[in-house]
Structures are given as C-alpha cells and as structure tokens.
Amino acid sequence: MNNIHGPDMPPSQCITLAPVVVLKADIASQEDKESTAATLFYLRQPSTGSAEGDMRKLAAEIDGLVMRLGLKSNLAEYKVPVSDLPKIVGGALGGMDGLDFPKVVNLLEGLHPDA
C-alpha cells in the first residue's frame, strides 16, 4: 500500500477510522448504519442485535487491529495544531455551519492529546 505521508508515518486512516465509525453509529442514516454493520459478517463476528451496537463493535475491532499492527498514533504526532481542527473539519464537511460540525471537531479533539 502506498503511504502518501512517507515511509515512517502510518496512514492517517489509522487515527480516524475507528472513531469515525463510532460517530457514524450516532449520526448516519439507518441504511448506512445497517450497511456498515454488515461488515461484521465478513469478519466472522456475531451481531450485537442492533446496527448501532454492531458499528461500535466494528470500531473496536478496527481499533484492536490498529493497535496490534503498531499503528496507533494521534494528531500531535502528525504535528497538527489544535487551532487547525475546526478549519480541517470545515473543509471536510464543506462548511462550519452543519449540525455535525461540533461533533466532528470533538472527535478530532479526542484524537489530539493537547486539545
């Protein structure tokens, strides 16, 4: 897999994927939740009985894999200033006025030890 961050940096998805799956368990449409939750079948993991629970279980599986691979990191390791987090989220969401904006900023703050 090509790593756009250079040979010594883990892919940024290793930082954000599990927390984003947890967030999507709360904010995604039911259809998106069910589609994402179905991934547990391919991991040979039993369902929790709800799409939201399955997404949280999937997030835990992702987080565990990242840890086992030694790729656990945070935004400070990427030298991302805390002050840039709202601007990053605004760019990703296409603006700073959406309902999910504060939730995503909070998600990134949780991935930065200085926030």
N, C-alpha and C. Protein backbone atom coordinates (compact mmCIF):
# COMPACT_ATOMS: atom_id res chain seq x y z
N MET A 1 0.84 -1.18 0.00
CA MET A 1 0.00 0.00 0.00
C MET A 1 0.88 1.24 0.00
N ASN A 2 0.61 2.18 -0.87
CA ASN A 2 1.36 3.43 -0.90
C ASN A 2 0.96 4.29 0.29
N ASN A 3 1.95 4.94 0.87
CA ASN A 3 1.69 5.81 2.01
C ASN A 3 2.08 7.22 1.62
N ILE A 4 1.11 8.09 1.42
CA ILE A 4 1.39 9.45 0.97
C ILE A 4 2.11 10.27 2.03
N HIS A 5 2.16 9.78 3.26
CA HIS A 5 2.78 10.52 4.35
C HIS A 5 4.27 10.22 4.50
N GLY A 6 4.80 9.29 3.71
CA GLY A 6 6.20 8.92 3.80
C GLY A 6 6.34 7.57 4.48
N PRO A 7 7.51 6.98 4.38
CA PRO A 7 7.70 5.61 4.86
C PRO A 7 7.63 5.45 6.37
N ASP A 8 7.84 6.51 7.14
CA ASP A 8 7.86 6.39 8.59
C ASP A 8 6.56 6.82 9.26
N MET A 9 5.57 7.18 8.48
CA MET A 9 4.31 7.66 9.05
C MET A 9 3.19 6.67 8.75
N PRO A 10 2.39 6.33 9.76
CA PRO A 10 1.25 5.45 9.50
C PRO A 10 0.20 6.19 8.69
N PRO A 11 -0.60 5.46 7.91
CA PRO A 11 -1.69 6.12 7.19
C PRO A 11 -2.62 6.83 8.16
N SER A 12 -3.10 8.01 7.78
CA SER A 12 -3.95 8.79 8.69
C SER A 12 -5.25 8.07 9.03
N GLN A 13 -5.70 7.16 8.18
CA GLN A 13 -6.92 6.43 8.47
C GLN A 13 -6.78 5.63 9.76
N CYS A 14 -5.56 5.26 10.12
CA CYS A 14 -5.35 4.51 11.36
C CYS A 14 -5.73 5.36 12.57
N ILE A 15 -5.65 6.65 12.45
CA ILE A 15 -6.02 7.54 13.55
C ILE A 15 -7.54 7.72 13.60
N THR A 16 -8.15 7.90 12.45
CA THR A 16 -9.55 8.36 12.42
C THR A 16 -10.61 7.30 12.17
N LEU A 17 -10.27 6.17 11.58
CA LEU A 17 -11.32 5.25 11.14
C LEU A 17 -12.21 4.74 12.27
N ALA A 18 -11.64 4.20 13.33
CA ALA A 18 -12.48 3.66 14.42
C ALA A 18 -13.35 4.75 15.05
N PRO A 19 -12.78 5.93 15.39
CA PRO A 19 -13.64 6.97 15.97
C PRO A 19 -14.74 7.45 15.01
N VAL A 20 -14.46 7.48 13.72
CA VAL A 20 -15.48 7.89 12.76
C VAL A 20 -16.60 6.86 12.70
N VAL A 21 -16.26 5.58 12.77
CA VAL A 21 -17.29 4.55 12.76
C VAL A 21 -18.19 4.70 14.00
N VAL A 22 -17.59 5.00 15.15
CA VAL A 22 -18.39 5.23 16.36
C VAL A 22 -19.31 6.44 16.16
N LEU A 23 -18.78 7.53 15.63
CA LEU A 23 -19.59 8.72 15.39
C LEU A 23 -20.73 8.40 14.41
N LYS A 24 -20.42 7.68 13.35
CA LYS A 24 -21.45 7.34 12.37
C LYS A 24 -22.54 6.46 12.98
N ALA A 25 -22.21 5.70 14.03
CA ALA A 25 -23.23 4.91 14.71
C ALA A 25 -24.31 5.82 15.29
N ASP A 26 -23.94 7.07 15.58
CA ASP A 26 -24.88 8.03 16.14
C ASP A 26 -25.55 8.92 15.10
N ILE A 27 -24.85 9.24 14.01
CA ILE A 27 -25.37 10.26 13.10
C ILE A 27 -25.73 9.78 11.71
N ALA A 28 -25.34 8.58 11.33
CA ALA A 28 -25.61 8.09 9.97
C ALA A 28 -27.09 7.71 9.82
N SER A 29 -27.50 7.62 8.58
CA SER A 29 -28.86 7.14 8.31
C SER A 29 -28.94 5.66 8.70
N GLN A 30 -30.14 5.18 8.93
CA GLN A 30 -30.32 3.78 9.30
C GLN A 30 -29.76 2.86 8.22
N GLU A 31 -29.98 3.22 6.96
CA GLU A 31 -29.47 2.43 5.84
C GLU A 31 -27.94 2.35 5.88
N ASP A 32 -27.28 3.47 6.11
CA ASP A 32 -25.81 3.48 6.20
C ASP A 32 -25.33 2.67 7.39
N LYS A 33 -26.03 2.79 8.51
CA LYS A 33 -25.66 2.01 9.70
C LYS A 33 -25.74 0.52 9.41
N GLU A 34 -26.83 0.09 8.79
CA GLU A 34 -27.01 -1.33 8.50
C GLU A 34 -25.97 -1.83 7.50
N SER A 35 -25.66 -1.01 6.51
CA SER A 35 -24.67 -1.38 5.52
C SER A 35 -23.29 -1.54 6.15
N THR A 36 -22.90 -0.59 6.98
CA THR A 36 -21.60 -0.65 7.65
C THR A 36 -21.57 -1.79 8.66
N ALA A 37 -22.63 -1.96 9.41
CA ALA A 37 -22.70 -3.01 10.42
C ALA A 37 -22.58 -4.39 9.82
N ALA A 38 -23.02 -4.56 8.57
CA ALA A 38 -22.94 -5.86 7.90
C ALA A 38 -21.51 -6.34 7.74
N THR A 39 -20.56 -5.45 7.87
CA THR A 39 -19.15 -5.80 7.76
C THR A 39 -18.74 -6.85 8.80
N LEU A 40 -19.41 -6.86 9.94
CA LEU A 40 -19.07 -7.84 10.98
C LEU A 40 -19.19 -9.27 10.45
N PHE A 41 -20.13 -9.53 9.58
CA PHE A 41 -20.29 -10.86 8.99
C PHE A 41 -18.99 -11.31 8.33
N TYR A 42 -18.36 -10.42 7.58
CA TYR A 42 -17.13 -10.76 6.85
C TYR A 42 -15.94 -10.92 7.79
N LEU A 43 -16.05 -10.37 8.98
CA LEU A 43 -15.01 -10.54 10.00
C LEU A 43 -15.30 -11.75 10.89
N ARG A 44 -16.38 -12.44 10.57
CA ARG A 44 -16.83 -13.61 11.34
C ARG A 44 -17.08 -13.27 12.81
N GLN A 45 -17.73 -12.12 12.98
CA GLN A 45 -18.10 -11.65 14.31
C GLN A 45 -19.61 -11.66 14.44
N PRO A 46 -20.14 -12.12 15.56
CA PRO A 46 -21.59 -12.13 15.72
C PRO A 46 -22.15 -10.72 15.90
N SER A 47 -23.38 -10.58 15.49
CA SER A 47 -24.07 -9.29 15.66
C SER A 47 -24.41 -9.05 17.13
N THR A 48 -24.47 -7.79 17.47
CA THR A 48 -24.90 -7.41 18.82
C THR A 48 -26.42 -7.34 18.91
N GLY A 49 -27.07 -7.33 17.76
CA GLY A 49 -28.52 -7.23 17.72
C GLY A 49 -29.03 -5.88 17.27
N SER A 50 -28.13 -4.91 17.13
CA SER A 50 -28.54 -3.60 16.61
C SER A 50 -27.44 -3.06 15.70
N ALA A 51 -27.85 -2.26 14.73
CA ALA A 51 -26.88 -1.68 13.80
C ALA A 51 -25.89 -0.79 14.54
N GLU A 52 -26.41 0.01 15.49
CA GLU A 52 -25.54 0.90 16.25
C GLU A 52 -24.52 0.10 17.08
N GLY A 53 -25.00 -0.95 17.73
CA GLY A 53 -24.10 -1.80 18.51
C GLY A 53 -23.07 -2.50 17.63
N ASP A 54 -23.52 -2.95 16.46
CA ASP A 54 -22.60 -3.59 15.53
C ASP A 54 -21.54 -2.62 15.04
N MET A 55 -21.91 -1.38 14.81
CA MET A 55 -20.93 -0.38 14.37
C MET A 55 -19.91 -0.12 15.48
N ARG A 56 -20.35 -0.05 16.70
CA ARG A 56 -19.42 0.15 17.81
C ARG A 56 -18.49 -1.06 17.96
N LYS A 57 -19.05 -2.25 17.75
CA LYS A 57 -18.22 -3.45 17.80
C LYS A 57 -17.20 -3.44 16.65
N LEU A 58 -17.63 -3.03 15.46
CA LEU A 58 -16.73 -2.91 14.32
C LEU A 58 -15.62 -1.92 14.63
N ALA A 59 -15.97 -0.79 15.23
CA ALA A 59 -14.97 0.21 15.60
C ALA A 59 -13.95 -0.38 16.57
N ALA A 60 -14.41 -1.17 17.53
CA ALA A 60 -13.50 -1.81 18.49
C ALA A 60 -12.57 -2.80 17.77
N GLU A 61 -13.10 -3.51 16.79
CA GLU A 61 -12.28 -4.44 16.01
C GLU A 61 -11.21 -3.68 15.22
N ILE A 62 -11.60 -2.57 14.61
CA ILE A 62 -10.66 -1.74 13.85
C ILE A 62 -9.58 -1.21 14.78
N ASP A 63 -10.00 -0.68 15.93
CA ASP A 63 -9.04 -0.13 16.88
C ASP A 63 -8.06 -1.21 17.35
N GLY A 64 -8.58 -2.40 17.62
CA GLY A 64 -7.71 -3.50 18.04
C GLY A 64 -6.70 -3.88 16.98
N LEU A 65 -7.13 -3.89 15.72
CA LEU A 65 -6.22 -4.20 14.62
C LEU A 65 -5.13 -3.15 14.50
N VAL A 66 -5.51 -1.90 14.58
CA VAL A 66 -4.54 -0.81 14.51
C VAL A 66 -3.50 -0.95 15.63
N MET A 67 -3.97 -1.28 16.81
CA MET A 67 -3.04 -1.46 17.94
C MET A 67 -2.12 -2.65 17.71
N ARG A 68 -2.69 -3.79 17.26
CA ARG A 68 -1.86 -4.99 17.03
C ARG A 68 -0.82 -4.75 15.95
N LEU A 69 -1.14 -3.91 14.98
CA LEU A 69 -0.20 -3.60 13.91
C LEU A 69 0.83 -2.55 14.33
N GLY A 70 0.66 -1.99 15.53
CA GLY A 70 1.59 -0.97 16.00
C GLY A 70 1.43 0.37 15.31
N LEU A 71 0.22 0.66 14.84
CA LEU A 71 -0.02 1.88 14.08
C LEU A 71 -0.81 2.93 14.86
N LYS A 72 -1.05 2.68 16.14
CA LYS A 72 -1.82 3.64 16.96
C LYS A 72 -1.02 4.93 17.06
N SER A 73 -1.65 6.03 16.77
CA SER A 73 -0.99 7.34 16.85
C SER A 73 -2.05 8.39 17.14
N ASN A 74 -1.63 9.66 17.12
CA ASN A 74 -2.57 10.75 17.37
C ASN A 74 -2.21 11.93 16.48
N LEU A 75 -3.04 12.94 16.51
CA LEU A 75 -2.82 14.08 15.62
C LEU A 75 -1.59 14.91 15.99
N ALA A 76 -1.19 14.88 17.24
CA ALA A 76 0.02 15.60 17.64
C ALA A 76 1.25 14.99 16.97
N GLU A 77 1.24 13.67 16.79
CA GLU A 77 2.36 13.01 16.11
C GLU A 77 2.47 13.47 14.65
N TYR A 78 1.37 13.93 14.08
CA TYR A 78 1.37 14.48 12.73
C TYR A 78 1.64 15.99 12.75
N LYS A 79 1.87 16.52 13.94
CA LYS A 79 2.12 17.96 14.12
C LYS A 79 0.95 18.82 13.64
N VAL A 80 -0.26 18.34 13.91
CA VAL A 80 -1.47 19.09 13.57
C VAL A 80 -1.78 20.00 14.75
N PRO A 81 -1.75 21.32 14.55
CA PRO A 81 -2.09 22.22 15.66
C PRO A 81 -3.56 22.11 16.05
N VAL A 82 -3.82 22.15 17.34
CA VAL A 82 -5.20 22.09 17.83
C VAL A 82 -6.02 23.21 17.19
N SER A 83 -5.41 24.37 17.01
CA SER A 83 -6.14 25.51 16.45
C SER A 83 -6.60 25.26 15.01
N ASP A 84 -6.01 24.29 14.32
CA ASP A 84 -6.41 23.98 12.94
C ASP A 84 -7.59 23.02 12.85
N LEU A 85 -7.97 22.39 13.95
CA LEU A 85 -9.00 21.36 13.89
C LEU A 85 -10.32 21.86 13.31
N PRO A 86 -10.85 23.02 13.76
CA PRO A 86 -12.11 23.48 13.15
C PRO A 86 -11.99 23.73 11.65
N LYS A 87 -10.86 24.26 11.22
CA LYS A 87 -10.65 24.53 9.79
C LYS A 87 -10.60 23.21 9.00
N ILE A 88 -9.96 22.19 9.56
CA ILE A 88 -9.88 20.88 8.91
C ILE A 88 -11.28 20.28 8.78
N VAL A 89 -12.05 20.35 9.85
CA VAL A 89 -13.41 19.81 9.84
C VAL A 89 -14.29 20.59 8.86
N GLY A 90 -14.17 21.91 8.86
CA GLY A 90 -14.95 22.73 7.93
C GLY A 90 -14.65 22.36 6.49
N GLY A 91 -13.38 22.12 6.19
CA GLY A 91 -13.01 21.71 4.83
C GLY A 91 -13.58 20.34 4.47
N ALA A 92 -13.54 19.42 5.44
CA ALA A 92 -14.04 18.07 5.18
C ALA A 92 -15.56 18.04 5.02
N LEU A 93 -16.25 18.89 5.77
CA LEU A 93 -17.71 18.90 5.73
C LEU A 93 -18.29 19.92 4.76
N GLY A 94 -17.44 20.73 4.16
CA GLY A 94 -17.92 21.74 3.23
C GLY A 94 -18.47 22.98 3.90
N GLY A 95 -18.08 23.21 5.13
CA GLY A 95 -18.51 24.39 5.86
C GLY A 95 -18.56 24.14 7.35
N MET A 96 -18.73 25.22 8.09
CA MET A 96 -18.71 25.13 9.54
C MET A 96 -20.08 25.29 10.17
N ASP A 97 -21.12 25.26 9.36
CA ASP A 97 -22.44 25.53 9.90
C ASP A 97 -23.35 24.31 9.97
N GLY A 98 -22.84 23.14 9.62
CA GLY A 98 -23.67 21.94 9.66
C GLY A 98 -23.89 21.43 11.07
N LEU A 99 -24.92 20.63 11.23
CA LEU A 99 -25.25 20.08 12.55
C LEU A 99 -24.16 19.16 13.09
N ASP A 100 -23.42 18.52 12.20
CA ASP A 100 -22.40 17.57 12.63
C ASP A 100 -21.05 18.23 12.90
N PHE A 101 -20.90 19.51 12.55
CA PHE A 101 -19.62 20.19 12.72
C PHE A 101 -19.07 20.08 14.13
N PRO A 102 -19.81 20.42 15.19
CA PRO A 102 -19.24 20.33 16.53
C PRO A 102 -18.91 18.89 16.94
N LYS A 103 -19.67 17.93 16.44
CA LYS A 103 -19.41 16.53 16.77
C LYS A 103 -18.09 16.07 16.16
N VAL A 104 -17.83 16.50 14.93
CA VAL A 104 -16.60 16.09 14.26
C VAL A 104 -15.40 16.82 14.85
N VAL A 105 -15.56 18.08 15.21
CA VAL A 105 -14.48 18.79 15.89
C VAL A 105 -14.16 18.08 17.20
N ASN A 106 -15.18 17.69 17.93
CA ASN A 106 -14.99 16.97 19.18
C ASN A 106 -14.26 15.64 18.94
N LEU A 107 -14.61 14.96 17.86
CA LEU A 107 -13.94 13.71 17.50
C LEU A 107 -12.44 13.96 17.32
N LEU A 108 -12.09 14.98 16.54
CA LEU A 108 -10.67 15.27 16.30
C LEU A 108 -9.97 15.73 17.58
N GLU A 109 -10.66 16.49 18.41
CA GLU A 109 -10.06 16.90 19.68
C GLU A 109 -9.74 15.67 20.54
N GLY A 110 -10.57 14.65 20.45
CA GLY A 110 -10.31 13.42 21.18
C GLY A 110 -9.11 12.65 20.65
N LEU A 111 -8.66 13.00 19.46
CA LEU A 111 -7.50 12.36 18.85
C LEU A 111 -6.24 13.20 18.97
N HIS A 112 -6.33 14.26 19.76
CA HIS A 112 -5.19 15.17 19.95
C HIS A 112 -4.94 15.32 21.45
N PRO A 113 -3.78 14.91 21.94
CA PRO A 113 -3.54 14.97 23.38
C PRO A 113 -3.49 16.37 23.97
N ASP A 114 -3.32 17.38 23.13
CA ASP A 114 -3.23 18.76 23.62
C ASP A 114 -4.55 19.51 23.57
N ALA A 115 -5.61 18.83 23.12
CA ALA A 115 -6.91 19.51 22.98
C ALA A 115 -7.66 19.50 24.29
